[in-house]
Amino acid sequence: MKTIEQKIEQCRKWQKAARERAIARQREKLADPVWRESQYQKMRDTIDRRIAKQKERPPASKTRKSAVKIKSRGLKGRTPTAEERRIANALGTLPCIACYMHGVISNEVSLHHIAGRTAPGCHKKQLPLCRWHHQHAAPAEVRAKYPWLVPVHADGVVGGKKE
């Protein structure tokens, strides 16, 4: 009776012998000039069939140039330069300056452009503001507690240039 190790060794020998036989058959086939010529002929026939099929097809109709899509108004402004991006990254690490002036530190900020978004150097002139100071009005009960919490951009009737 064979042990498990002997069975595994016997199986490995059979696998190795089968692998060597397969490699020998493949080498023999590749060395046979008749087989190689048949493969080349098969490849040529395939190419000829493709060309014939392509010739049978009607010519593709000329594609019309589609109308240029109107650019979405989405995010206006130009792409910041490397220097402007570096400055913006540094400003983004600062707390909201409006909250900081009142002794509150608010680290989640968005940058508010002071001098537009397309002028030269405009991305250097930004302020780090929290969401309540930048664009969205804080809830009424929060505004009652902190009357200085008013957004730069008007949100409905709250904020904007008038306040």
N, C-alpha and C. Protein backbone atom coordinates (compact mmCIF):
# COMPACT_ATOMS: atom_id res chain seq x y z
N MET A 1 0.85 -1.18 0.00
CA MET A 1 0.00 0.00 0.00
C MET A 1 0.90 1.24 0.00
N LYS A 2 0.57 2.21 -0.90
CA LYS A 2 1.38 3.42 -1.04
C LYS A 2 0.97 4.46 0.00
N THR A 3 1.96 5.21 0.44
CA THR A 3 1.66 6.30 1.36
C THR A 3 1.20 7.52 0.54
N ILE A 4 0.70 8.51 1.23
CA ILE A 4 0.21 9.72 0.56
C ILE A 4 1.34 10.42 -0.17
N GLU A 5 2.53 10.49 0.46
CA GLU A 5 3.68 11.13 -0.18
C GLU A 5 4.05 10.42 -1.47
N GLN A 6 3.99 9.07 -1.46
CA GLN A 6 4.33 8.30 -2.66
C GLN A 6 3.30 8.55 -3.76
N LYS A 7 2.02 8.65 -3.39
CA LYS A 7 0.97 8.92 -4.38
C LYS A 7 1.16 10.31 -4.99
N ILE A 8 1.49 11.28 -4.15
CA ILE A 8 1.71 12.64 -4.65
C ILE A 8 2.91 12.65 -5.59
N GLU A 9 3.98 11.96 -5.22
CA GLU A 9 5.18 11.90 -6.06
C GLU A 9 4.87 11.23 -7.40
N GLN A 10 4.10 10.16 -7.38
CA GLN A 10 3.71 9.45 -8.61
C GLN A 10 2.87 10.37 -9.51
N CYS A 11 1.96 11.11 -8.90
CA CYS A 11 1.10 12.04 -9.65
C CYS A 11 1.96 13.13 -10.30
N ARG A 12 2.94 13.65 -9.56
CA ARG A 12 3.83 14.67 -10.12
C ARG A 12 4.63 14.13 -11.29
N LYS A 13 5.08 12.88 -11.20
CA LYS A 13 5.83 12.26 -12.30
C LYS A 13 4.95 12.15 -13.54
N TRP A 14 3.70 11.70 -13.36
CA TRP A 14 2.77 11.58 -14.50
C TRP A 14 2.52 12.96 -15.14
N GLN A 15 2.33 13.97 -14.27
CA GLN A 15 2.10 15.33 -14.79
C GLN A 15 3.31 15.83 -15.58
N LYS A 16 4.51 15.57 -15.05
CA LYS A 16 5.73 16.01 -15.73
C LYS A 16 5.87 15.30 -17.07
N ALA A 17 5.59 14.00 -17.09
CA ALA A 17 5.70 13.24 -18.34
C ALA A 17 4.68 13.74 -19.36
N ALA A 18 3.45 14.03 -18.91
CA ALA A 18 2.41 14.54 -19.82
C ALA A 18 2.81 15.91 -20.37
N ARG A 19 3.37 16.75 -19.50
CA ARG A 19 3.81 18.08 -19.93
C ARG A 19 4.92 17.97 -20.98
N GLU A 20 5.88 17.08 -20.73
CA GLU A 20 6.98 16.89 -21.68
C GLU A 20 6.49 16.35 -23.02
N ARG A 21 5.51 15.42 -22.97
CA ARG A 21 4.93 14.90 -24.23
C ARG A 21 4.23 16.00 -25.01
N ALA A 22 3.48 16.86 -24.30
CA ALA A 22 2.77 17.96 -24.97
C ALA A 22 3.76 18.94 -25.60
N ILE A 23 4.83 19.25 -24.89
CA ILE A 23 5.85 20.16 -25.43
C ILE A 23 6.52 19.55 -26.65
N ALA A 24 6.81 18.26 -26.59
CA ALA A 24 7.44 17.58 -27.72
C ALA A 24 6.52 17.59 -28.94
N ARG A 25 5.21 17.32 -28.72
CA ARG A 25 4.25 17.35 -29.84
C ARG A 25 4.19 18.74 -30.46
N GLN A 26 4.18 19.78 -29.61
CA GLN A 26 4.11 21.16 -30.10
C GLN A 26 5.36 21.51 -30.91
N ARG A 27 6.53 21.13 -30.42
CA ARG A 27 7.78 21.41 -31.15
C ARG A 27 7.80 20.68 -32.49
N GLU A 28 7.33 19.45 -32.47
CA GLU A 28 7.29 18.65 -33.71
C GLU A 28 6.37 19.31 -34.74
N LYS A 29 5.23 19.80 -34.25
CA LYS A 29 4.26 20.45 -35.13
C LYS A 29 4.86 21.74 -35.71
N LEU A 30 5.51 22.54 -34.86
CA LEU A 30 6.09 23.80 -35.32
C LEU A 30 7.24 23.57 -36.31
N ALA A 31 7.93 22.46 -36.20
CA ALA A 31 9.04 22.15 -37.10
C ALA A 31 8.55 21.60 -38.45
N ASP A 32 7.31 21.14 -38.51
CA ASP A 32 6.77 20.55 -39.74
C ASP A 32 6.43 21.65 -40.75
N PRO A 33 7.09 21.69 -41.93
CA PRO A 33 6.83 22.75 -42.91
C PRO A 33 5.42 22.68 -43.50
N VAL A 34 4.85 21.50 -43.59
CA VAL A 34 3.49 21.36 -44.14
C VAL A 34 2.49 22.05 -43.21
N TRP A 35 2.61 21.81 -41.91
CA TRP A 35 1.69 22.42 -40.94
C TRP A 35 1.84 23.95 -40.94
N ARG A 36 3.09 24.45 -40.98
CA ARG A 36 3.32 25.89 -40.99
C ARG A 36 2.72 26.53 -42.23
N GLU A 37 2.89 25.87 -43.38
CA GLU A 37 2.31 26.41 -44.63
C GLU A 37 0.79 26.44 -44.55
N SER A 38 0.19 25.41 -43.93
CA SER A 38 -1.28 25.40 -43.80
C SER A 38 -1.75 26.55 -42.91
N GLN A 39 -0.98 26.87 -41.86
CA GLN A 39 -1.33 27.99 -40.98
C GLN A 39 -1.25 29.32 -41.72
N TYR A 40 -0.18 29.50 -42.53
CA TYR A 40 -0.05 30.73 -43.32
C TYR A 40 -1.19 30.86 -44.31
N GLN A 41 -1.56 29.73 -44.94
CA GLN A 41 -2.65 29.75 -45.91
C GLN A 41 -3.98 30.09 -45.23
N LYS A 42 -4.19 29.54 -44.05
CA LYS A 42 -5.40 29.83 -43.29
C LYS A 42 -5.48 31.33 -42.97
N MET A 43 -4.34 31.92 -42.58
CA MET A 43 -4.30 33.34 -42.26
C MET A 43 -4.60 34.17 -43.51
N ARG A 44 -4.02 33.80 -44.65
CA ARG A 44 -4.27 34.54 -45.90
C ARG A 44 -5.74 34.45 -46.30
N ASP A 45 -6.33 33.26 -46.16
CA ASP A 45 -7.75 33.08 -46.50
C ASP A 45 -8.64 33.98 -45.62
N THR A 46 -8.31 34.06 -44.35
CA THR A 46 -9.08 34.90 -43.43
C THR A 46 -9.00 36.36 -43.85
N ILE A 47 -7.81 36.82 -44.20
CA ILE A 47 -7.64 38.21 -44.64
C ILE A 47 -8.43 38.46 -45.91
N ASP A 48 -8.37 37.51 -46.87
CA ASP A 48 -9.11 37.66 -48.13
C ASP A 48 -10.61 37.73 -47.88
N ARG A 49 -11.12 36.90 -46.96
CA ARG A 49 -12.55 36.92 -46.65
C ARG A 49 -12.95 38.27 -46.05
N ARG A 50 -12.13 38.81 -45.17
CA ARG A 50 -12.43 40.11 -44.57
C ARG A 50 -12.47 41.21 -45.63
N ILE A 51 -11.50 41.19 -46.54
CA ILE A 51 -11.46 42.21 -47.59
C ILE A 51 -12.68 42.10 -48.49
N ALA A 52 -13.05 40.85 -48.87
CA ALA A 52 -14.23 40.65 -49.73
C ALA A 52 -15.50 41.12 -49.02
N LYS A 53 -15.61 40.82 -47.75
CA LYS A 53 -16.80 41.23 -46.99
C LYS A 53 -16.87 42.75 -46.89
N GLN A 54 -15.72 43.38 -46.73
CA GLN A 54 -15.69 44.83 -46.63
C GLN A 54 -16.07 45.47 -47.96
N LYS A 55 -15.67 44.85 -49.09
CA LYS A 55 -16.01 45.39 -50.41
C LYS A 55 -17.50 45.26 -50.70
N GLU A 56 -18.14 44.21 -50.16
CA GLU A 56 -19.57 44.00 -50.38
C GLU A 56 -20.41 45.05 -49.66
N ARG A 57 -19.91 45.54 -48.56
CA ARG A 57 -20.65 46.52 -47.78
C ARG A 57 -20.81 47.81 -48.55
N PRO A 58 -21.97 48.45 -48.41
CA PRO A 58 -22.12 49.76 -49.05
C PRO A 58 -21.23 50.77 -48.33
N PRO A 59 -20.77 51.77 -49.05
CA PRO A 59 -19.90 52.75 -48.39
C PRO A 59 -20.66 53.48 -47.28
N ALA A 60 -19.96 53.76 -46.25
CA ALA A 60 -20.59 54.45 -45.11
C ALA A 60 -20.99 55.85 -45.53
N SER A 61 -22.17 56.26 -45.10
CA SER A 61 -22.62 57.60 -45.45
C SER A 61 -21.76 58.62 -44.72
N LYS A 62 -21.60 59.77 -45.36
CA LYS A 62 -20.78 60.80 -44.73
C LYS A 62 -21.49 61.27 -43.46
N THR A 63 -20.73 61.36 -42.42
CA THR A 63 -21.33 61.82 -41.17
C THR A 63 -21.38 63.34 -41.18
N ARG A 64 -22.52 63.84 -40.76
CA ARG A 64 -22.67 65.28 -40.68
C ARG A 64 -22.00 65.79 -39.42
N LYS A 65 -21.46 66.95 -39.51
CA LYS A 65 -20.92 67.55 -38.31
C LYS A 65 -22.09 68.01 -37.45
N SER A 66 -22.08 67.56 -36.22
CA SER A 66 -23.18 67.95 -35.34
C SER A 66 -22.95 69.37 -34.85
N ALA A 67 -24.02 70.01 -34.52
CA ALA A 67 -23.93 71.38 -34.03
C ALA A 67 -23.13 71.40 -32.74
N VAL A 68 -22.37 72.42 -32.56
CA VAL A 68 -21.57 72.55 -31.35
C VAL A 68 -22.50 72.79 -30.18
N LYS A 69 -22.32 71.99 -29.14
CA LYS A 69 -23.17 72.12 -27.97
C LYS A 69 -22.85 73.42 -27.24
N ILE A 70 -23.87 74.03 -26.72
CA ILE A 70 -23.68 75.26 -25.96
C ILE A 70 -23.01 74.89 -24.64
N LYS A 71 -21.96 75.60 -24.35
CA LYS A 71 -21.22 75.32 -23.11
C LYS A 71 -22.12 75.61 -21.92
N SER A 72 -22.11 74.68 -20.98
CA SER A 72 -22.94 74.89 -19.79
C SER A 72 -22.37 76.06 -19.00
N ARG A 73 -23.21 76.76 -18.31
CA ARG A 73 -22.77 77.93 -17.57
C ARG A 73 -22.11 77.51 -16.26
N GLY A 74 -22.28 76.26 -15.87
CA GLY A 74 -21.70 75.66 -14.68
C GLY A 74 -20.74 76.50 -13.88
N LEU A 75 -19.55 76.00 -13.66
CA LEU A 75 -18.55 76.72 -12.88
C LEU A 75 -17.79 77.64 -13.82
N LYS A 76 -18.00 78.93 -13.66
CA LYS A 76 -17.30 79.89 -14.50
C LYS A 76 -15.92 80.14 -13.92
N GLY A 77 -15.08 80.76 -14.72
CA GLY A 77 -13.74 81.09 -14.24
C GLY A 77 -12.69 80.28 -14.96
N ARG A 78 -11.47 80.72 -14.81
CA ARG A 78 -10.37 80.04 -15.48
C ARG A 78 -9.68 79.10 -14.51
N THR A 79 -8.87 78.21 -15.06
CA THR A 79 -8.13 77.26 -14.24
C THR A 79 -7.00 77.99 -13.52
N PRO A 80 -6.83 77.75 -12.23
CA PRO A 80 -5.76 78.43 -11.50
C PRO A 80 -4.37 77.95 -11.94
N THR A 81 -3.40 78.84 -11.88
CA THR A 81 -2.02 78.48 -12.18
C THR A 81 -1.46 77.69 -11.01
N ALA A 82 -0.25 77.14 -11.19
CA ALA A 82 0.37 76.35 -10.12
C ALA A 82 0.59 77.21 -8.87
N GLU A 83 1.03 78.44 -9.07
CA GLU A 83 1.27 79.33 -7.93
C GLU A 83 -0.04 79.65 -7.22
N GLU A 84 -1.10 79.95 -8.01
CA GLU A 84 -2.40 80.25 -7.41
C GLU A 84 -2.96 79.04 -6.67
N ARG A 85 -2.73 77.85 -7.21
CA ARG A 85 -3.20 76.63 -6.55
C ARG A 85 -2.47 76.44 -5.23
N ARG A 86 -1.17 76.72 -5.22
CA ARG A 86 -0.38 76.60 -3.99
C ARG A 86 -0.90 77.56 -2.92
N ILE A 87 -1.19 78.80 -3.33
CA ILE A 87 -1.72 79.80 -2.39
C ILE A 87 -3.10 79.37 -1.89
N ALA A 88 -3.95 78.88 -2.80
CA ALA A 88 -5.30 78.44 -2.41
C ALA A 88 -5.23 77.28 -1.44
N ASN A 89 -4.29 76.35 -1.64
CA ASN A 89 -4.14 75.23 -0.71
C ASN A 89 -3.73 75.72 0.67
N ALA A 90 -2.85 76.72 0.71
CA ALA A 90 -2.43 77.28 2.00
C ALA A 90 -3.60 77.99 2.68
N LEU A 91 -4.39 78.75 1.91
CA LEU A 91 -5.55 79.43 2.48
C LEU A 91 -6.59 78.43 2.98
N GLY A 92 -6.72 77.31 2.29
CA GLY A 92 -7.69 76.29 2.68
C GLY A 92 -7.38 75.64 4.01
N THR A 93 -6.14 75.73 4.46
CA THR A 93 -5.79 75.14 5.76
C THR A 93 -6.16 76.06 6.92
N LEU A 94 -6.45 77.34 6.63
CA LEU A 94 -6.81 78.30 7.67
C LEU A 94 -8.28 78.12 8.08
N PRO A 95 -8.65 78.55 9.30
CA PRO A 95 -10.06 78.50 9.69
C PRO A 95 -10.83 79.64 9.02
N CYS A 96 -12.15 79.62 9.14
CA CYS A 96 -12.99 80.69 8.60
C CYS A 96 -12.58 81.99 9.30
N ILE A 97 -12.19 83.00 8.51
CA ILE A 97 -11.67 84.22 9.13
C ILE A 97 -12.78 85.03 9.80
N ALA A 98 -14.00 84.98 9.28
CA ALA A 98 -15.10 85.73 9.90
C ALA A 98 -15.44 85.14 11.27
N CYS A 99 -15.46 83.81 11.38
CA CYS A 99 -15.71 83.17 12.67
C CYS A 99 -14.54 83.41 13.62
N TYR A 100 -13.33 83.36 13.08
CA TYR A 100 -12.12 83.52 13.90
C TYR A 100 -12.08 84.89 14.56
N MET A 101 -12.60 85.91 13.87
CA MET A 101 -12.62 87.26 14.44
C MET A 101 -13.55 87.33 15.65
N HIS A 102 -14.50 86.39 15.76
CA HIS A 102 -15.43 86.35 16.90
C HIS A 102 -15.04 85.26 17.90
N GLY A 103 -13.84 84.68 17.73
CA GLY A 103 -13.34 83.70 18.68
C GLY A 103 -13.81 82.28 18.43
N VAL A 104 -14.41 82.01 17.29
CA VAL A 104 -14.88 80.66 16.96
C VAL A 104 -13.96 80.10 15.87
N ILE A 105 -13.52 78.86 16.04
CA ILE A 105 -12.67 78.24 15.02
C ILE A 105 -13.50 77.23 14.24
N SER A 106 -13.64 77.50 12.96
CA SER A 106 -14.40 76.64 12.05
C SER A 106 -13.46 76.20 10.94
N ASN A 107 -13.05 74.92 10.95
CA ASN A 107 -12.03 74.44 10.00
C ASN A 107 -12.57 74.04 8.64
N GLU A 108 -13.85 73.76 8.53
CA GLU A 108 -14.40 73.36 7.22
C GLU A 108 -14.74 74.63 6.45
N VAL A 109 -13.90 74.94 5.44
CA VAL A 109 -14.05 76.21 4.73
C VAL A 109 -14.16 75.99 3.23
N SER A 110 -14.71 77.01 2.55
CA SER A 110 -14.64 77.09 1.10
C SER A 110 -14.06 78.46 0.80
N LEU A 111 -13.33 78.56 -0.32
CA LEU A 111 -12.64 79.81 -0.62
C LEU A 111 -13.55 80.76 -1.39
N HIS A 112 -13.66 81.99 -0.89
CA HIS A 112 -14.48 83.03 -1.52
C HIS A 112 -13.58 83.94 -2.33
N HIS A 113 -13.86 84.06 -3.65
CA HIS A 113 -13.07 84.93 -4.53
C HIS A 113 -13.47 86.38 -4.29
N ILE A 114 -12.51 87.22 -4.00
CA ILE A 114 -12.78 88.64 -3.76
C ILE A 114 -12.82 89.40 -5.07
N ALA A 115 -11.91 89.08 -5.99
CA ALA A 115 -11.76 89.85 -7.23
C ALA A 115 -12.14 89.01 -8.45
N GLY A 116 -13.33 88.45 -8.47
CA GLY A 116 -13.79 87.68 -9.62
C GLY A 116 -13.09 86.33 -9.74
N ARG A 117 -13.37 85.65 -10.88
CA ARG A 117 -12.78 84.32 -11.08
C ARG A 117 -12.03 84.20 -12.40
N THR A 118 -11.93 85.31 -13.15
CA THR A 118 -11.25 85.24 -14.44
C THR A 118 -10.11 86.24 -14.57
N ALA A 119 -10.06 87.25 -13.74
CA ALA A 119 -9.02 88.28 -13.83
C ALA A 119 -7.65 87.70 -13.49
N PRO A 120 -6.58 88.32 -14.00
CA PRO A 120 -5.23 87.84 -13.65
C PRO A 120 -5.02 87.94 -12.14
N GLY A 121 -4.52 86.86 -11.55
CA GLY A 121 -4.26 86.84 -10.11
C GLY A 121 -5.49 86.72 -9.24
N CYS A 122 -6.66 86.46 -9.85
CA CYS A 122 -7.90 86.42 -9.06
C CYS A 122 -7.89 85.29 -8.04
N HIS A 123 -7.21 84.19 -8.36
CA HIS A 123 -7.20 83.05 -7.44
C HIS A 123 -6.26 83.29 -6.26
N LYS A 124 -5.49 84.38 -6.31
CA LYS A 124 -4.64 84.73 -5.17
C LYS A 124 -5.43 85.55 -4.16
N LYS A 125 -6.53 86.13 -4.60
CA LYS A 125 -7.33 87.01 -3.74
C LYS A 125 -8.59 86.27 -3.29
N GLN A 126 -8.43 85.42 -2.28
CA GLN A 126 -9.53 84.62 -1.78
C GLN A 126 -9.56 84.68 -0.27
N LEU A 127 -10.73 84.41 0.29
CA LEU A 127 -10.89 84.37 1.74
C LEU A 127 -11.40 83.00 2.14
N PRO A 128 -10.85 82.38 3.19
CA PRO A 128 -11.42 81.12 3.68
C PRO A 128 -12.66 81.42 4.53
N LEU A 129 -13.81 80.98 4.08
CA LEU A 129 -15.07 81.22 4.81
C LEU A 129 -15.79 79.90 5.04
N CYS A 130 -16.47 79.79 6.18
CA CYS A 130 -17.28 78.60 6.45
C CYS A 130 -18.54 78.67 5.60
N ARG A 131 -19.30 77.62 5.61
CA ARG A 131 -20.49 77.55 4.76
C ARG A 131 -21.51 78.62 5.14
N TRP A 132 -21.63 78.93 6.44
CA TRP A 132 -22.62 79.92 6.87
C TRP A 132 -22.20 81.34 6.49
N HIS A 133 -20.91 81.61 6.46
CA HIS A 133 -20.44 82.94 6.06
C HIS A 133 -20.30 83.08 4.55
N HIS A 134 -20.14 81.97 3.84
CA HIS A 134 -19.88 82.07 2.41
C HIS A 134 -21.17 82.13 1.60
N GLN A 135 -22.01 81.11 1.70
CA GLN A 135 -23.11 81.03 0.75
C GLN A 135 -24.47 80.72 1.36
N HIS A 136 -24.51 79.88 2.36
CA HIS A 136 -25.79 79.42 2.88
C HIS A 136 -26.09 80.10 4.22
N ALA A 137 -27.31 80.57 4.36
CA ALA A 137 -27.72 81.20 5.62
C ALA A 137 -27.88 80.14 6.69
N ALA A 138 -27.41 80.45 7.88
CA ALA A 138 -27.57 79.54 9.01
C ALA A 138 -29.05 79.52 9.40
N PRO A 139 -29.51 78.45 10.05
CA PRO A 139 -30.90 78.41 10.51
C PRO A 139 -31.21 79.60 11.42
N ALA A 140 -32.47 80.02 11.46
CA ALA A 140 -32.88 81.22 12.19
C ALA A 140 -32.47 81.17 13.66
N GLU A 141 -32.63 80.01 14.32
CA GLU A 141 -32.28 79.94 15.74
C GLU A 141 -30.77 80.11 15.96
N VAL A 142 -29.96 79.65 15.00
CA VAL A 142 -28.51 79.84 15.11
C VAL A 142 -28.16 81.30 14.86
N ARG A 143 -28.83 81.94 13.89
CA ARG A 143 -28.58 83.36 13.61
C ARG A 143 -29.01 84.23 14.78
N ALA A 144 -30.06 83.80 15.51
CA ALA A 144 -30.49 84.57 16.69
C ALA A 144 -29.41 84.52 17.77
N LYS A 145 -28.74 83.38 17.91
CA LYS A 145 -27.68 83.23 18.91
C LYS A 145 -26.40 83.95 18.47
N TYR A 146 -26.09 83.86 17.16
CA TYR A 146 -24.88 84.49 16.60
C TYR A 146 -25.31 85.47 15.50
N PRO A 147 -25.63 86.72 15.83
CA PRO A 147 -26.11 87.66 14.82
C PRO A 147 -25.07 88.01 13.76
N TRP A 148 -23.80 87.75 14.02
CA TRP A 148 -22.74 88.03 13.06
C TRP A 148 -22.59 86.93 12.01
N LEU A 149 -23.39 85.87 12.10
CA LEU A 149 -23.29 84.73 11.19
C LEU A 149 -24.15 84.97 9.95
N VAL A 150 -23.67 85.80 9.02
CA VAL A 150 -24.42 86.20 7.83
C VAL A 150 -23.59 85.85 6.60
N PRO A 151 -24.19 85.24 5.56
CA PRO A 151 -23.40 84.86 4.38
C PRO A 151 -23.04 86.05 3.50
N VAL A 152 -21.88 85.95 2.82
CA VAL A 152 -21.42 86.98 1.88
C VAL A 152 -22.36 87.04 0.68
N HIS A 153 -22.70 85.87 0.12
CA HIS A 153 -23.65 85.80 -0.99
C HIS A 153 -25.05 85.66 -0.40
N ALA A 154 -25.99 86.41 -0.91
CA ALA A 154 -27.35 86.37 -0.37
C ALA A 154 -27.95 84.99 -0.54
N ASP A 155 -28.62 84.53 0.50
CA ASP A 155 -29.35 83.26 0.47
C ASP A 155 -30.80 83.61 0.76
N GLY A 156 -31.56 83.86 -0.30
CA GLY A 156 -32.93 84.33 -0.12
C GLY A 156 -32.90 85.78 0.32
N VAL A 157 -33.50 86.08 1.48
CA VAL A 157 -33.51 87.46 2.00
C VAL A 157 -32.39 87.70 3.01
N VAL A 158 -31.59 86.67 3.29
CA VAL A 158 -30.54 86.78 4.29
C VAL A 158 -29.19 86.97 3.60
N GLY A 159 -28.40 87.91 4.11
CA GLY A 159 -27.03 88.08 3.63
C GLY A 159 -26.92 88.93 2.39
N GLY A 160 -25.73 88.90 1.81
CA GLY A 160 -25.46 89.70 0.62
C GLY A 160 -24.83 91.03 0.99
N LYS A 161 -24.80 91.94 0.03
CA LYS A 161 -24.11 93.22 0.22
C LYS A 161 -24.84 94.13 1.20
N LYS A 162 -26.16 93.99 1.33
CA LYS A 162 -26.92 94.90 2.19
C LYS A 162 -26.62 94.68 3.67
N GLU A 163 -26.15 93.50 4.06
CA GLU A 163 -25.90 93.23 5.48
C GLU A 163 -24.44 93.30 5.79
